[in-house]
Amino acid sequence: MSGLTDLVDSLENKLEKLIQNMDLLKEQNQKLEDEISKSAIIISSQSDEITSLKEQNETLRMANSLLGSNDNKRETKLKINSLIREIDYCIAQLSD
């Protein structure tokens, strides 16, 4: 009987250790999930900022070209032509 009791005690100890390890792993998992959430928010924020900065950069290029810079004249002319076509299309739609 003593051997059986020792075996049960050993199993109980191992089970307690497993439960402690499981609890520890659950805590670590929760921390990692929180980090993932925070990282996703940061990535989204940075993505929005990148988009905004790209738009600002394009606006500044356009303004620079309109002010007489030779660097982006072709792009500016294309943009102006595109805007003129849109205006012509709108006028055609209004006159119908």
N, C-alpha and C. Protein backbone atom coordinates (compact mmCIF):
# COMPACT_ATOMS: atom_id res chain seq x y z
N MET A 1 0.80 -1.19 0.00
CA MET A 1 0.00 0.00 0.00
C MET A 1 0.85 1.26 0.00
N SER A 2 1.98 1.17 0.67
CA SER A 2 2.86 2.33 0.75
C SER A 2 3.33 2.74 -0.64
N GLY A 3 3.59 1.78 -1.50
CA GLY A 3 4.04 2.07 -2.86
C GLY A 3 2.96 2.76 -3.67
N LEU A 4 1.72 2.33 -3.46
CA LEU A 4 0.59 2.94 -4.16
C LEU A 4 0.38 4.37 -3.69
N THR A 5 0.51 4.62 -2.40
CA THR A 5 0.38 5.96 -1.84
C THR A 5 1.47 6.87 -2.39
N ASP A 6 2.68 6.35 -2.45
CA ASP A 6 3.79 7.14 -3.00
C ASP A 6 3.53 7.49 -4.46
N LEU A 7 3.00 6.52 -5.19
CA LEU A 7 2.70 6.74 -6.61
C LEU A 7 1.62 7.81 -6.78
N VAL A 8 0.59 7.76 -5.95
CA VAL A 8 -0.48 8.76 -6.00
C VAL A 8 0.07 10.13 -5.62
N ASP A 9 0.89 10.19 -4.60
CA ASP A 9 1.49 11.47 -4.19
C ASP A 9 2.37 12.02 -5.31
N SER A 10 3.11 11.16 -5.94
CA SER A 10 3.97 11.58 -7.04
C SER A 10 3.13 12.13 -8.20
N LEU A 11 2.05 11.43 -8.50
CA LEU A 11 1.15 11.90 -9.57
C LEU A 11 0.51 13.25 -9.21
N GLU A 12 0.11 13.40 -7.95
CA GLU A 12 -0.47 14.67 -7.51
C GLU A 12 0.54 15.81 -7.64
N ASN A 13 1.78 15.56 -7.26
CA ASN A 13 2.82 16.59 -7.37
C ASN A 13 3.05 16.96 -8.84
N LYS A 14 3.12 15.93 -9.68
CA LYS A 14 3.32 16.21 -11.10
C LYS A 14 2.14 16.96 -11.69
N LEU A 15 0.94 16.60 -11.26
CA LEU A 15 -0.26 17.28 -11.73
C LEU A 15 -0.27 18.75 -11.28
N GLU A 16 0.12 19.00 -10.05
CA GLU A 16 0.19 20.37 -9.55
C GLU A 16 1.21 21.19 -10.35
N LYS A 17 2.35 20.57 -10.65
CA LYS A 17 3.36 21.26 -11.46
C LYS A 17 2.83 21.56 -12.86
N LEU A 18 2.12 20.59 -13.43
CA LEU A 18 1.53 20.81 -14.75
C LEU A 18 0.51 21.95 -14.73
N ILE A 19 -0.29 21.98 -13.69
CA ILE A 19 -1.29 23.05 -13.56
C ILE A 19 -0.61 24.40 -13.40
N GLN A 20 0.45 24.46 -12.60
CA GLN A 20 1.20 25.70 -12.44
C GLN A 20 1.81 26.14 -13.77
N ASN A 21 2.39 25.18 -14.49
CA ASN A 21 2.97 25.50 -15.80
C ASN A 21 1.89 25.99 -16.77
N MET A 22 0.73 25.35 -16.72
CA MET A 22 -0.36 25.76 -17.59
C MET A 22 -0.80 27.19 -17.26
N ASP A 23 -0.93 27.48 -15.98
CA ASP A 23 -1.31 28.84 -15.58
C ASP A 23 -0.28 29.86 -16.02
N LEU A 24 0.99 29.52 -15.87
CA LEU A 24 2.06 30.40 -16.29
C LEU A 24 2.00 30.63 -17.80
N LEU A 25 1.78 29.55 -18.54
CA LEU A 25 1.68 29.67 -20.00
C LEU A 25 0.46 30.49 -20.43
N LYS A 26 -0.63 30.36 -19.70
CA LYS A 26 -1.82 31.17 -19.99
C LYS A 26 -1.52 32.65 -19.79
N GLU A 27 -0.81 32.97 -18.72
CA GLU A 27 -0.44 34.37 -18.45
C GLU A 27 0.48 34.90 -19.55
N GLN A 28 1.46 34.09 -19.93
CA GLN A 28 2.37 34.51 -20.99
C GLN A 28 1.63 34.69 -22.31
N ASN A 29 0.72 33.79 -22.58
CA ASN A 29 -0.07 33.87 -23.79
C ASN A 29 -0.90 35.15 -23.81
N GLN A 30 -1.50 35.49 -22.68
CA GLN A 30 -2.30 36.71 -22.59
C GLN A 30 -1.44 37.94 -22.81
N LYS A 31 -0.24 37.95 -22.23
CA LYS A 31 0.68 39.07 -22.42
C LYS A 31 1.05 39.21 -23.89
N LEU A 32 1.32 38.08 -24.54
CA LEU A 32 1.68 38.11 -25.95
C LEU A 32 0.50 38.59 -26.82
N GLU A 33 -0.69 38.17 -26.47
CA GLU A 33 -1.87 38.63 -27.21
C GLU A 33 -2.06 40.14 -27.03
N ASP A 34 -1.80 40.63 -25.82
CA ASP A 34 -1.89 42.07 -25.59
C ASP A 34 -0.84 42.81 -26.41
N GLU A 35 0.36 42.26 -26.48
CA GLU A 35 1.42 42.87 -27.29
C GLU A 35 1.03 42.89 -28.76
N ILE A 36 0.43 41.81 -29.23
CA ILE A 36 -0.01 41.75 -30.63
C ILE A 36 -1.05 42.82 -30.89
N SER A 37 -1.99 42.99 -29.97
CA SER A 37 -3.02 44.02 -30.13
C SER A 37 -2.40 45.41 -30.19
N LYS A 38 -1.48 45.67 -29.27
CA LYS A 38 -0.82 46.98 -29.26
C LYS A 38 -0.03 47.19 -30.55
N SER A 39 0.64 46.15 -30.99
CA SER A 39 1.43 46.26 -32.23
C SER A 39 0.53 46.51 -33.43
N ALA A 40 -0.62 45.86 -33.46
CA ALA A 40 -1.57 46.07 -34.56
C ALA A 40 -2.07 47.51 -34.58
N ILE A 41 -2.32 48.06 -33.40
CA ILE A 41 -2.77 49.46 -33.32
C ILE A 41 -1.67 50.39 -33.80
N ILE A 42 -0.44 50.12 -33.39
CA ILE A 42 0.69 50.95 -33.81
C ILE A 42 0.88 50.86 -35.32
N ILE A 43 0.78 49.65 -35.87
CA ILE A 43 0.94 49.47 -37.31
C ILE A 43 -0.14 50.24 -38.07
N SER A 44 -1.36 50.16 -37.59
CA SER A 44 -2.46 50.87 -38.24
C SER A 44 -2.23 52.38 -38.19
N SER A 45 -1.80 52.85 -37.05
CA SER A 45 -1.51 54.28 -36.89
C SER A 45 -0.39 54.72 -37.82
N GLN A 46 0.65 53.93 -37.89
CA GLN A 46 1.78 54.28 -38.75
C GLN A 46 1.39 54.20 -40.22
N SER A 47 0.54 53.28 -40.56
CA SER A 47 0.07 53.16 -41.94
C SER A 47 -0.73 54.41 -42.33
N ASP A 48 -1.59 54.86 -41.43
CA ASP A 48 -2.35 56.09 -41.68
C ASP A 48 -1.42 57.28 -41.82
N GLU A 49 -0.40 57.32 -40.98
CA GLU A 49 0.56 58.42 -41.04
C GLU A 49 1.34 58.39 -42.36
N ILE A 50 1.71 57.20 -42.80
CA ILE A 50 2.43 57.07 -44.07
C ILE A 50 1.57 57.57 -45.21
N THR A 51 0.30 57.19 -45.22
CA THR A 51 -0.62 57.63 -46.26
C THR A 51 -0.74 59.15 -46.26
N SER A 52 -0.88 59.71 -45.08
CA SER A 52 -0.99 61.17 -44.96
C SER A 52 0.28 61.86 -45.46
N LEU A 53 1.43 61.32 -45.08
CA LEU A 53 2.69 61.92 -45.51
C LEU A 53 2.89 61.80 -47.02
N LYS A 54 2.44 60.69 -47.60
CA LYS A 54 2.53 60.54 -49.06
C LYS A 54 1.67 61.60 -49.76
N GLU A 55 0.46 61.82 -49.21
CA GLU A 55 -0.41 62.84 -49.79
C GLU A 55 0.21 64.23 -49.66
N GLN A 56 0.79 64.51 -48.51
CA GLN A 56 1.44 65.80 -48.32
C GLN A 56 2.62 65.95 -49.27
N ASN A 57 3.37 64.88 -49.45
CA ASN A 57 4.51 64.91 -50.34
C ASN A 57 4.06 65.20 -51.77
N GLU A 58 2.99 64.55 -52.21
CA GLU A 58 2.47 64.78 -53.56
C GLU A 58 1.98 66.22 -53.71
N THR A 59 1.32 66.72 -52.69
CA THR A 59 0.84 68.11 -52.72
C THR A 59 2.01 69.08 -52.80
N LEU A 60 3.05 68.82 -52.03
CA LEU A 60 4.22 69.69 -52.05
C LEU A 60 4.94 69.62 -53.41
N ARG A 61 5.00 68.44 -54.00
CA ARG A 61 5.60 68.33 -55.33
C ARG A 61 4.82 69.15 -56.34
N MET A 62 3.50 69.03 -56.26
CA MET A 62 2.65 69.76 -57.19
C MET A 62 2.83 71.27 -57.00
N ALA A 63 2.82 71.70 -55.76
CA ALA A 63 2.99 73.13 -55.48
C ALA A 63 4.36 73.60 -55.95
N ASN A 64 5.37 72.80 -55.73
CA ASN A 64 6.72 73.14 -56.15
C ASN A 64 6.79 73.27 -57.68
N SER A 65 6.13 72.37 -58.37
CA SER A 65 6.12 72.43 -59.83
C SER A 65 5.39 73.67 -60.32
N LEU A 66 4.30 73.98 -59.66
CA LEU A 66 3.53 75.17 -60.06
C LEU A 66 4.30 76.45 -59.80
N LEU A 67 5.20 76.41 -58.85
CA LEU A 67 5.98 77.59 -58.52
C LEU A 67 7.20 77.76 -59.44
N GLY A 68 7.36 76.84 -60.36
CA GLY A 68 8.42 77.02 -61.33
C GLY A 68 9.54 76.02 -61.28
N SER A 69 9.44 75.03 -60.45
CA SER A 69 10.49 74.01 -60.39
C SER A 69 10.41 73.12 -61.63
N ASN A 70 11.54 72.75 -62.16
CA ASN A 70 11.58 71.91 -63.36
C ASN A 70 11.50 70.42 -63.05
N ASP A 71 11.62 70.05 -61.80
CA ASP A 71 11.72 68.65 -61.43
C ASP A 71 10.46 67.84 -61.77
N ASN A 72 9.31 68.39 -61.50
CA ASN A 72 8.08 67.61 -61.66
C ASN A 72 7.10 68.25 -62.65
N LYS A 73 7.60 68.94 -63.63
CA LYS A 73 6.72 69.64 -64.57
C LYS A 73 5.84 68.67 -65.34
N ARG A 74 6.41 67.56 -65.76
CA ARG A 74 5.63 66.60 -66.55
C ARG A 74 4.46 66.07 -65.73
N GLU A 75 4.73 65.70 -64.48
CA GLU A 75 3.67 65.20 -63.60
C GLU A 75 2.60 66.26 -63.38
N THR A 76 3.02 67.50 -63.22
CA THR A 76 2.07 68.58 -63.00
C THR A 76 1.21 68.78 -64.23
N LYS A 77 1.83 68.77 -65.41
CA LYS A 77 1.06 68.93 -66.65
C LYS A 77 0.04 67.80 -66.80
N LEU A 78 0.46 66.59 -66.50
CA LEU A 78 -0.46 65.45 -66.58
C LEU A 78 -1.63 65.61 -65.61
N LYS A 79 -1.33 66.08 -64.41
CA LYS A 79 -2.38 66.29 -63.41
C LYS A 79 -3.34 67.38 -63.86
N ILE A 80 -2.80 68.47 -64.39
CA ILE A 80 -3.64 69.57 -64.86
C ILE A 80 -4.51 69.09 -66.01
N ASN A 81 -3.93 68.33 -66.95
CA ASN A 81 -4.71 67.79 -68.06
C ASN A 81 -5.82 66.86 -67.57
N SER A 82 -5.51 66.07 -66.57
CA SER A 82 -6.51 65.18 -65.99
C SER A 82 -7.64 65.98 -65.36
N LEU A 83 -7.30 67.04 -64.65
CA LEU A 83 -8.33 67.90 -64.04
C LEU A 83 -9.17 68.58 -65.11
N ILE A 84 -8.55 69.02 -66.19
CA ILE A 84 -9.29 69.67 -67.28
C ILE A 84 -10.26 68.68 -67.91
N ARG A 85 -9.82 67.43 -68.11
CA ARG A 85 -10.72 66.41 -68.67
C ARG A 85 -11.90 66.17 -67.74
N GLU A 86 -11.64 66.12 -66.44
CA GLU A 86 -12.74 65.94 -65.48
C GLU A 86 -13.72 67.09 -65.54
N ILE A 87 -13.20 68.31 -65.63
CA ILE A 87 -14.06 69.50 -65.72
C ILE A 87 -14.87 69.46 -67.01
N ASP A 88 -14.23 69.10 -68.13
CA ASP A 88 -14.94 68.99 -69.40
C ASP A 88 -16.05 67.95 -69.32
N TYR A 89 -15.76 66.83 -68.67
CA TYR A 89 -16.76 65.78 -68.51
C TYR A 89 -17.94 66.28 -67.69
N CYS A 90 -17.65 66.99 -66.62
CA CYS A 90 -18.72 67.54 -65.78
C CYS A 90 -19.57 68.54 -66.55
N ILE A 91 -18.92 69.39 -67.34
CA ILE A 91 -19.66 70.38 -68.14
C ILE A 91 -20.54 69.66 -69.14
N ALA A 92 -20.00 68.61 -69.77
CA ALA A 92 -20.79 67.83 -70.74
C ALA A 92 -21.99 67.19 -70.05
N GLN A 93 -21.81 66.68 -68.84
CA GLN A 93 -22.91 66.07 -68.11
C GLN A 93 -23.99 67.10 -67.74
N LEU A 94 -23.54 68.28 -67.38
CA LEU A 94 -24.49 69.35 -67.01
C LEU A 94 -25.26 69.87 -68.22
N SER A 95 -24.63 69.89 -69.39
CA SER A 95 -25.29 70.44 -70.56
C SER A 95 -26.27 69.46 -71.19
N ASP A 96 -26.20 68.17 -70.81
CA ASP A 96 -27.15 67.19 -71.37
C ASP A 96 -28.49 67.29 -70.76
